[in-house]
Amino acid sequence: MKRRRFLEILPAVTLGPCCRPLVGVAAGWSLAACSGEPSSGPIQVKWDRDADPRCGMIISDKRFAAQIRDPQGKAWKFDDIGCAIFWLSQRPFNEETPNTEFWVADYRMGGWIDARQAHYLPGKKSPMGYQFGAVARPEADAVSYREMKERILARGQ
């Protein structure tokens, strides 16, 4: 018997029939809460261990990482905004699909910012060579998310 099933039925055995449905629901919620991953927002990257699902590279440069949370709530981590853009272009959803979240590392300050609201500095030496660093505030020569995406897709690969 799997642990989850055991924990669902254990209280039901000891309590009366009127409380059994409530206990099963509570057990399910508590198990879901123990998974350690939030249901929204960026998740913790295991630097030098997590791999990019598109290119397979280990994610190590904190200045260029990106994350996408798909409409089902699963988080995907990338080593370069370009990998995230191409990966997203091959999905049945996009960055405008409800419940899709897109985060990118702030090139200058660290931390995560919404990729769609970020400004992108071209010419930065990124892990996969897409050459964009994201910043939260506009800077000279920075381009919008839309412009960065168009340049990456036009370049290919």
N, C-alpha and C. Protein backbone atom coordinates (compact mmCIF):
# COMPACT_ATOMS: atom_id res chain seq x y z
N MET A 1 0.85 -1.18 0.00
CA MET A 1 0.00 0.00 0.00
C MET A 1 0.90 1.24 0.00
N LYS A 2 0.56 2.18 -0.84
CA LYS A 2 1.35 3.40 -0.92
C LYS A 2 1.08 4.27 0.30
N ARG A 3 2.08 5.06 0.65
CA ARG A 3 1.99 5.90 1.83
C ARG A 3 0.79 6.85 1.78
N ARG A 4 0.58 7.46 0.62
CA ARG A 4 -0.52 8.41 0.49
C ARG A 4 -1.86 7.73 0.79
N ARG A 5 -2.06 6.55 0.23
CA ARG A 5 -3.32 5.83 0.45
C ARG A 5 -3.44 5.44 1.93
N PHE A 6 -2.34 5.01 2.53
CA PHE A 6 -2.36 4.63 3.94
C PHE A 6 -2.77 5.82 4.80
N LEU A 7 -2.19 7.00 4.51
CA LEU A 7 -2.51 8.18 5.30
C LEU A 7 -3.94 8.65 5.08
N GLU A 8 -4.49 8.35 3.91
CA GLU A 8 -5.88 8.72 3.66
C GLU A 8 -6.85 7.84 4.43
N ILE A 9 -6.54 6.55 4.54
CA ILE A 9 -7.51 5.65 5.18
C ILE A 9 -7.29 5.48 6.66
N LEU A 10 -6.10 5.78 7.18
CA LEU A 10 -5.83 5.59 8.60
C LEU A 10 -6.84 6.33 9.49
N PRO A 11 -7.08 7.63 9.30
CA PRO A 11 -8.05 8.30 10.16
C PRO A 11 -9.47 7.77 9.95
N ALA A 12 -9.78 7.35 8.75
CA ALA A 12 -11.12 6.85 8.47
C ALA A 12 -11.40 5.57 9.24
N VAL A 13 -10.39 4.80 9.51
CA VAL A 13 -10.57 3.56 10.26
C VAL A 13 -10.90 3.87 11.71
N THR A 14 -10.28 4.92 12.25
CA THR A 14 -10.46 5.23 13.67
C THR A 14 -11.64 6.16 13.95
N LEU A 15 -12.15 6.87 12.93
CA LEU A 15 -13.27 7.79 13.14
C LEU A 15 -14.55 7.20 12.57
N GLY A 16 -15.64 7.77 12.97
CA GLY A 16 -16.94 7.33 12.47
C GLY A 16 -17.14 7.71 11.02
N PRO A 17 -18.18 7.15 10.38
CA PRO A 17 -18.42 7.38 8.96
C PRO A 17 -18.73 8.83 8.60
N CYS A 18 -19.25 9.62 9.53
CA CYS A 18 -19.59 11.00 9.19
C CYS A 18 -18.35 11.88 9.03
N CYS A 19 -17.24 11.53 9.64
CA CYS A 19 -16.02 12.34 9.57
C CYS A 19 -15.05 11.86 8.50
N ARG A 20 -15.27 10.70 7.95
CA ARG A 20 -14.30 10.12 7.01
C ARG A 20 -14.03 10.99 5.78
N PRO A 21 -15.04 11.55 5.11
CA PRO A 21 -14.73 12.37 3.93
C PRO A 21 -13.88 13.61 4.27
N LEU A 22 -14.17 14.23 5.39
CA LEU A 22 -13.42 15.42 5.78
C LEU A 22 -11.96 15.09 6.07
N VAL A 23 -11.72 13.96 6.71
CA VAL A 23 -10.36 13.58 7.05
C VAL A 23 -9.56 13.26 5.79
N GLY A 24 -10.19 12.61 4.81
CA GLY A 24 -9.51 12.30 3.56
C GLY A 24 -9.08 13.57 2.82
N VAL A 25 -9.97 14.57 2.79
CA VAL A 25 -9.65 15.83 2.13
C VAL A 25 -8.51 16.53 2.87
N ALA A 26 -8.57 16.56 4.18
CA ALA A 26 -7.52 17.21 4.98
C ALA A 26 -6.18 16.52 4.77
N ALA A 27 -6.18 15.21 4.71
CA ALA A 27 -4.93 14.46 4.48
C ALA A 27 -4.35 14.79 3.11
N GLY A 28 -5.20 14.90 2.12
CA GLY A 28 -4.73 15.26 0.77
C GLY A 28 -4.11 16.64 0.74
N TRP A 29 -4.75 17.60 1.39
CA TRP A 29 -4.20 18.96 1.43
C TRP A 29 -2.86 18.99 2.15
N SER A 30 -2.76 18.29 3.25
CA SER A 30 -1.50 18.33 3.99
C SER A 30 -0.39 17.66 3.22
N LEU A 31 -0.68 16.61 2.48
CA LEU A 31 0.35 15.97 1.66
C LEU A 31 0.78 16.88 0.52
N ALA A 32 -0.17 17.58 -0.07
CA ALA A 32 0.16 18.51 -1.15
C ALA A 32 1.02 19.65 -0.63
N ALA A 33 0.74 20.12 0.57
CA ALA A 33 1.50 21.21 1.16
C ALA A 33 2.92 20.78 1.48
N CYS A 34 3.15 19.51 1.67
CA CYS A 34 4.49 19.02 2.00
C CYS A 34 5.36 18.81 0.78
N SER A 35 4.85 19.04 -0.42
CA SER A 35 5.65 18.80 -1.61
C SER A 35 6.83 19.76 -1.70
N GLY A 36 6.76 20.92 -1.02
CA GLY A 36 7.87 21.85 -0.98
C GLY A 36 7.88 22.86 -2.11
N GLU A 37 7.08 22.69 -3.13
CA GLU A 37 7.08 23.62 -4.26
C GLU A 37 5.84 24.49 -4.17
N PRO A 38 6.02 25.83 -4.26
CA PRO A 38 4.85 26.70 -4.25
C PRO A 38 4.01 26.49 -5.50
N SER A 39 2.75 26.87 -5.44
CA SER A 39 1.87 26.67 -6.58
C SER A 39 1.94 27.81 -7.59
N SER A 40 2.61 28.91 -7.24
CA SER A 40 2.81 30.00 -8.17
C SER A 40 4.13 30.69 -7.85
N GLY A 41 4.59 31.49 -8.80
CA GLY A 41 5.85 32.19 -8.62
C GLY A 41 7.04 31.31 -8.97
N PRO A 42 8.22 31.92 -9.02
CA PRO A 42 9.42 31.14 -9.34
C PRO A 42 9.78 30.21 -8.19
N ILE A 43 10.45 29.12 -8.53
CA ILE A 43 10.89 28.17 -7.51
C ILE A 43 12.40 28.26 -7.37
N GLN A 44 12.91 27.64 -6.33
CA GLN A 44 14.35 27.66 -6.09
C GLN A 44 15.07 26.84 -7.15
N VAL A 45 16.13 27.40 -7.69
CA VAL A 45 16.97 26.68 -8.65
C VAL A 45 18.11 26.04 -7.89
N LYS A 46 18.39 24.80 -8.18
CA LYS A 46 19.55 24.12 -7.61
C LYS A 46 20.70 24.39 -8.56
N TRP A 47 21.41 25.49 -8.29
CA TRP A 47 22.49 25.93 -9.16
C TRP A 47 23.53 24.84 -9.31
N ASP A 48 24.02 24.68 -10.51
CA ASP A 48 25.02 23.68 -10.88
C ASP A 48 24.50 22.24 -10.75
N ARG A 49 23.19 22.08 -10.63
CA ARG A 49 22.58 20.73 -10.60
C ARG A 49 21.37 20.62 -11.51
N ASP A 50 20.48 21.63 -11.51
CA ASP A 50 19.31 21.58 -12.37
C ASP A 50 19.72 21.74 -13.83
N ALA A 51 19.02 21.04 -14.70
CA ALA A 51 19.33 21.10 -16.14
C ALA A 51 18.19 21.76 -16.91
N ASP A 52 18.55 22.46 -17.94
CA ASP A 52 17.62 23.10 -18.85
C ASP A 52 16.92 22.01 -19.67
N PRO A 53 15.58 22.00 -19.72
CA PRO A 53 14.88 20.94 -20.45
C PRO A 53 15.03 21.05 -21.97
N ARG A 54 15.42 22.19 -22.47
CA ARG A 54 15.56 22.34 -23.92
C ARG A 54 16.94 21.94 -24.41
N CYS A 55 17.99 22.50 -23.79
CA CYS A 55 19.34 22.25 -24.29
C CYS A 55 20.11 21.23 -23.45
N GLY A 56 19.63 20.94 -22.25
CA GLY A 56 20.28 19.96 -21.40
C GLY A 56 21.44 20.50 -20.58
N MET A 57 21.78 21.79 -20.75
CA MET A 57 22.88 22.36 -19.98
C MET A 57 22.50 22.53 -18.51
N ILE A 58 23.49 22.39 -17.66
CA ILE A 58 23.30 22.64 -16.23
C ILE A 58 23.13 24.15 -16.04
N ILE A 59 22.21 24.54 -15.18
CA ILE A 59 21.94 25.96 -14.93
C ILE A 59 22.92 26.44 -13.86
N SER A 60 23.82 27.34 -14.26
CA SER A 60 24.84 27.77 -13.31
C SER A 60 25.01 29.29 -13.22
N ASP A 61 24.68 30.03 -14.25
CA ASP A 61 24.87 31.48 -14.22
C ASP A 61 23.59 32.15 -13.75
N LYS A 62 23.62 32.68 -12.54
CA LYS A 62 22.43 33.26 -11.91
C LYS A 62 21.94 34.52 -12.62
N ARG A 63 22.74 35.10 -13.48
CA ARG A 63 22.35 36.34 -14.16
C ARG A 63 21.44 36.11 -15.35
N PHE A 64 21.37 34.87 -15.88
CA PHE A 64 20.66 34.62 -17.12
C PHE A 64 19.54 33.58 -17.01
N ALA A 65 19.31 33.02 -15.86
CA ALA A 65 18.32 31.95 -15.71
C ALA A 65 16.91 32.47 -15.96
N ALA A 66 16.04 31.55 -16.34
CA ALA A 66 14.63 31.87 -16.57
C ALA A 66 13.78 30.70 -16.08
N GLN A 67 12.52 30.98 -15.81
CA GLN A 67 11.58 29.94 -15.39
C GLN A 67 10.23 30.20 -16.04
N ILE A 68 9.57 29.12 -16.37
CA ILE A 68 8.20 29.19 -16.88
C ILE A 68 7.36 28.24 -16.05
N ARG A 69 6.24 28.73 -15.57
CA ARG A 69 5.27 27.87 -14.90
C ARG A 69 4.12 27.69 -15.88
N ASP A 70 3.91 26.45 -16.32
CA ASP A 70 2.88 26.18 -17.32
C ASP A 70 1.48 26.28 -16.72
N PRO A 71 0.42 26.28 -17.55
CA PRO A 71 -0.94 26.44 -17.03
C PRO A 71 -1.35 25.37 -16.02
N GLN A 72 -0.69 24.22 -16.02
CA GLN A 72 -0.99 23.17 -15.05
C GLN A 72 -0.24 23.38 -13.74
N GLY A 73 0.64 24.38 -13.68
CA GLY A 73 1.36 24.71 -12.46
C GLY A 73 2.76 24.13 -12.36
N LYS A 74 3.22 23.39 -13.36
CA LYS A 74 4.56 22.81 -13.33
C LYS A 74 5.58 23.88 -13.70
N ALA A 75 6.66 23.97 -12.91
CA ALA A 75 7.71 24.95 -13.17
C ALA A 75 8.84 24.31 -13.98
N TRP A 76 9.32 25.06 -14.98
CA TRP A 76 10.41 24.63 -15.85
C TRP A 76 11.52 25.66 -15.72
N LYS A 77 12.77 25.20 -15.61
CA LYS A 77 13.91 26.10 -15.40
C LYS A 77 14.83 26.06 -16.62
N PHE A 78 15.38 27.24 -16.96
CA PHE A 78 16.21 27.39 -18.15
C PHE A 78 17.49 28.15 -17.82
N ASP A 79 18.55 27.86 -18.59
CA ASP A 79 19.83 28.53 -18.35
C ASP A 79 19.97 29.83 -19.12
N ASP A 80 19.07 30.11 -20.05
CA ASP A 80 19.16 31.29 -20.91
C ASP A 80 17.75 31.65 -21.36
N ILE A 81 17.45 32.93 -21.46
CA ILE A 81 16.12 33.36 -21.89
C ILE A 81 15.81 32.83 -23.29
N GLY A 82 16.82 32.67 -24.13
CA GLY A 82 16.60 32.14 -25.47
C GLY A 82 16.06 30.72 -25.45
N CYS A 83 16.59 29.89 -24.56
CA CYS A 83 16.08 28.51 -24.45
C CYS A 83 14.61 28.54 -24.02
N ALA A 84 14.28 29.42 -23.08
CA ALA A 84 12.90 29.52 -22.61
C ALA A 84 11.97 29.98 -23.73
N ILE A 85 12.42 30.94 -24.53
CA ILE A 85 11.60 31.45 -25.64
C ILE A 85 11.33 30.34 -26.66
N PHE A 86 12.36 29.59 -27.05
CA PHE A 86 12.16 28.52 -28.03
C PHE A 86 11.34 27.38 -27.45
N TRP A 87 11.58 27.02 -26.20
CA TRP A 87 10.80 25.96 -25.55
C TRP A 87 9.33 26.36 -25.54
N LEU A 88 9.05 27.59 -25.17
CA LEU A 88 7.67 28.08 -25.10
C LEU A 88 7.03 28.11 -26.49
N SER A 89 7.80 28.41 -27.51
CA SER A 89 7.24 28.47 -28.87
C SER A 89 6.82 27.10 -29.38
N GLN A 90 7.26 26.04 -28.73
CA GLN A 90 6.92 24.68 -29.15
C GLN A 90 5.84 24.05 -28.26
N ARG A 91 5.20 24.82 -27.43
CA ARG A 91 4.15 24.33 -26.53
C ARG A 91 2.78 24.73 -27.07
N PRO A 92 1.72 24.04 -26.60
CA PRO A 92 0.37 24.40 -27.02
C PRO A 92 -0.16 25.65 -26.30
N PHE A 93 0.65 26.23 -25.44
CA PHE A 93 0.29 27.47 -24.73
C PHE A 93 1.42 28.47 -24.97
N ASN A 94 1.18 29.73 -24.58
CA ASN A 94 2.24 30.73 -24.69
C ASN A 94 2.22 31.63 -23.46
N GLU A 95 3.03 32.67 -23.48
CA GLU A 95 3.14 33.54 -22.30
C GLU A 95 1.86 34.30 -21.99
N GLU A 96 0.93 34.36 -22.93
CA GLU A 96 -0.34 35.06 -22.71
C GLU A 96 -1.46 34.13 -22.25
N THR A 97 -1.21 32.83 -22.25
CA THR A 97 -2.21 31.86 -21.81
C THR A 97 -2.47 32.06 -20.31
N PRO A 98 -3.73 32.08 -19.89
CA PRO A 98 -4.02 32.23 -18.46
C PRO A 98 -3.27 31.18 -17.63
N ASN A 99 -2.83 31.59 -16.46
CA ASN A 99 -2.10 30.76 -15.49
C ASN A 99 -0.69 30.40 -15.93
N THR A 100 -0.19 31.00 -17.00
CA THR A 100 1.20 30.79 -17.39
C THR A 100 2.02 31.92 -16.78
N GLU A 101 3.09 31.56 -16.08
CA GLU A 101 3.97 32.54 -15.47
C GLU A 101 5.34 32.43 -16.13
N PHE A 102 6.02 33.56 -16.27
CA PHE A 102 7.32 33.59 -16.94
C PHE A 102 8.22 34.51 -16.13
N TRP A 103 9.29 33.97 -15.61
CA TRP A 103 10.21 34.72 -14.76
C TRP A 103 11.61 34.68 -15.35
N VAL A 104 12.35 35.74 -15.12
CA VAL A 104 13.72 35.81 -15.58
C VAL A 104 14.57 36.44 -14.47
N ALA A 105 15.82 36.00 -14.39
CA ALA A 105 16.73 36.54 -13.38
C ALA A 105 17.10 37.98 -13.75
N ASP A 106 17.13 38.83 -12.74
CA ASP A 106 17.56 40.21 -12.95
C ASP A 106 19.08 40.21 -13.10
N TYR A 107 19.55 40.62 -14.25
CA TYR A 107 20.97 40.60 -14.60
C TYR A 107 21.82 41.41 -13.62
N ARG A 108 21.32 42.53 -13.16
CA ARG A 108 22.09 43.42 -12.29
C ARG A 108 21.86 43.18 -10.79
N MET A 109 20.61 42.99 -10.40
CA MET A 109 20.26 42.97 -8.98
C MET A 109 20.05 41.57 -8.40
N GLY A 110 19.96 40.58 -9.24
CA GLY A 110 19.61 39.25 -8.75
C GLY A 110 18.12 39.20 -8.49
N GLY A 111 17.62 38.06 -8.11
CA GLY A 111 16.20 37.91 -7.87
C GLY A 111 15.45 37.67 -9.18
N TRP A 112 14.15 37.50 -9.06
CA TRP A 112 13.31 37.17 -10.22
C TRP A 112 12.39 38.32 -10.55
N ILE A 113 12.19 38.54 -11.85
CA ILE A 113 11.25 39.55 -12.32
C ILE A 113 10.39 38.91 -13.40
N ASP A 114 9.19 39.44 -13.58
CA ASP A 114 8.30 38.94 -14.62
C ASP A 114 8.96 39.19 -15.97
N ALA A 115 9.17 38.14 -16.73
CA ALA A 115 9.88 38.25 -18.00
C ALA A 115 9.17 39.17 -18.98
N ARG A 116 7.85 39.22 -18.92
CA ARG A 116 7.08 40.03 -19.86
C ARG A 116 7.18 41.52 -19.54
N GLN A 117 7.52 41.84 -18.29
CA GLN A 117 7.65 43.24 -17.88
C GLN A 117 9.10 43.73 -17.87
N ALA A 118 10.04 42.80 -18.01
CA ALA A 118 11.47 43.14 -17.95
C ALA A 118 11.92 43.91 -19.18
N HIS A 119 13.08 44.53 -19.05
CA HIS A 119 13.76 45.20 -20.15
C HIS A 119 15.02 44.39 -20.41
N TYR A 120 15.42 44.28 -21.66
CA TYR A 120 16.51 43.36 -22.02
C TYR A 120 17.68 44.11 -22.63
N LEU A 121 18.85 43.86 -22.05
CA LEU A 121 20.08 44.48 -22.52
C LEU A 121 20.74 43.55 -23.53
N PRO A 122 20.83 43.96 -24.79
CA PRO A 122 21.48 43.11 -25.78
C PRO A 122 23.00 43.14 -25.59
N GLY A 123 23.67 42.14 -26.16
CA GLY A 123 25.12 42.13 -26.14
C GLY A 123 25.75 41.54 -24.90
N LYS A 124 24.98 40.90 -24.05
CA LYS A 124 25.52 40.27 -22.84
C LYS A 124 25.89 38.82 -23.17
N LYS A 125 27.00 38.37 -22.66
CA LYS A 125 27.47 37.02 -22.97
C LYS A 125 26.69 36.01 -22.11
N SER A 126 25.64 35.43 -22.67
CA SER A 126 24.78 34.50 -21.96
C SER A 126 25.19 33.06 -22.22
N PRO A 127 24.76 32.11 -21.38
CA PRO A 127 25.22 30.72 -21.50
C PRO A 127 25.02 30.08 -22.87
N MET A 128 23.88 30.32 -23.52
CA MET A 128 23.63 29.71 -24.82
C MET A 128 23.82 30.68 -25.98
N GLY A 129 24.34 31.86 -25.68
CA GLY A 129 24.67 32.80 -26.73
C GLY A 129 23.52 33.59 -27.30
N TYR A 130 22.42 33.68 -26.59
CA TYR A 130 21.31 34.51 -27.07
C TYR A 130 21.53 35.98 -26.76
N GLN A 131 22.46 36.26 -25.87
CA GLN A 131 23.01 37.60 -25.64
C GLN A 131 22.06 38.65 -25.07
N PHE A 132 21.14 38.23 -24.17
CA PHE A 132 20.27 39.19 -23.51
C PHE A 132 20.33 39.02 -22.00
N GLY A 133 20.47 40.14 -21.30
CA GLY A 133 20.39 40.17 -19.85
C GLY A 133 19.17 40.99 -19.46
N ALA A 134 18.36 40.49 -18.54
CA ALA A 134 17.13 41.18 -18.15
C ALA A 134 17.36 42.11 -16.96
N VAL A 135 16.68 43.24 -16.99
CA VAL A 135 16.71 44.19 -15.87
C VAL A 135 15.28 44.66 -15.60
N ALA A 136 15.04 45.05 -14.38
CA ALA A 136 13.68 45.46 -13.99
C ALA A 136 13.35 46.87 -14.47
N ARG A 137 14.32 47.75 -14.53
CA ARG A 137 14.08 49.14 -14.91
C ARG A 137 14.70 49.42 -16.29
N PRO A 138 14.09 50.33 -17.04
CA PRO A 138 14.64 50.66 -18.36
C PRO A 138 16.05 51.24 -18.24
N GLU A 139 16.90 50.86 -19.16
CA GLU A 139 18.26 51.40 -19.25
C GLU A 139 18.52 51.76 -20.70
N ALA A 140 19.58 52.52 -20.92
CA ALA A 140 19.96 52.88 -22.29
C ALA A 140 20.19 51.60 -23.10
N ASP A 141 19.70 51.58 -24.31
CA ASP A 141 19.84 50.47 -25.25
C ASP A 141 19.01 49.24 -24.90
N ALA A 142 18.26 49.26 -23.81
CA ALA A 142 17.43 48.10 -23.45
C ALA A 142 16.24 48.00 -24.41
N VAL A 143 15.82 46.77 -24.67
CA VAL A 143 14.66 46.54 -25.54
C VAL A 143 13.55 45.87 -24.74
N SER A 144 12.35 45.91 -25.27
CA SER A 144 11.18 45.32 -24.60
C SER A 144 11.20 43.79 -24.72
N TYR A 145 10.32 43.16 -23.98
CA TYR A 145 10.17 41.71 -24.08
C TYR A 145 9.84 41.31 -25.52
N ARG A 146 8.89 42.00 -26.11
CA ARG A 146 8.46 41.69 -27.48
C ARG A 146 9.62 41.78 -28.47
N GLU A 147 10.41 42.86 -28.37
CA GLU A 147 11.56 43.04 -29.27
C GLU A 147 12.60 41.94 -29.04
N MET A 148 12.89 41.63 -27.79
CA MET A 148 13.86 40.57 -27.48
C MET A 148 13.38 39.24 -28.06
N LYS A 149 12.11 38.92 -27.87
CA LYS A 149 11.56 37.66 -28.37
C LYS A 149 11.65 37.60 -29.90
N GLU A 150 11.30 38.69 -30.57
CA GLU A 150 11.38 38.72 -32.04
C GLU A 150 12.80 38.49 -32.53
N ARG A 151 13.77 39.11 -31.87
CA ARG A 151 15.17 38.96 -32.27
C ARG A 151 15.64 37.51 -32.08
N ILE A 152 15.27 36.92 -30.95
CA ILE A 152 15.69 35.55 -30.68
C ILE A 152 15.06 34.58 -31.69
N LEU A 153 13.76 34.72 -31.93
CA LEU A 153 13.09 33.81 -32.87
C LEU A 153 13.61 34.01 -34.31
N ALA A 154 13.93 35.26 -34.68
CA ALA A 154 14.45 35.53 -36.01
C ALA A 154 15.84 34.92 -36.19
N ARG A 155 16.60 34.91 -35.13
CA ARG A 155 17.95 34.33 -35.18
C ARG A 155 17.90 32.82 -35.37
N GLY A 156 16.94 32.19 -34.74
CA GLY A 156 16.80 30.74 -34.84
C GLY A 156 17.65 29.99 -33.85
N GLN A 157 17.27 28.75 -33.64
CA GLN A 157 17.94 27.81 -32.73
C GLN A 157 18.04 28.37 -31.36
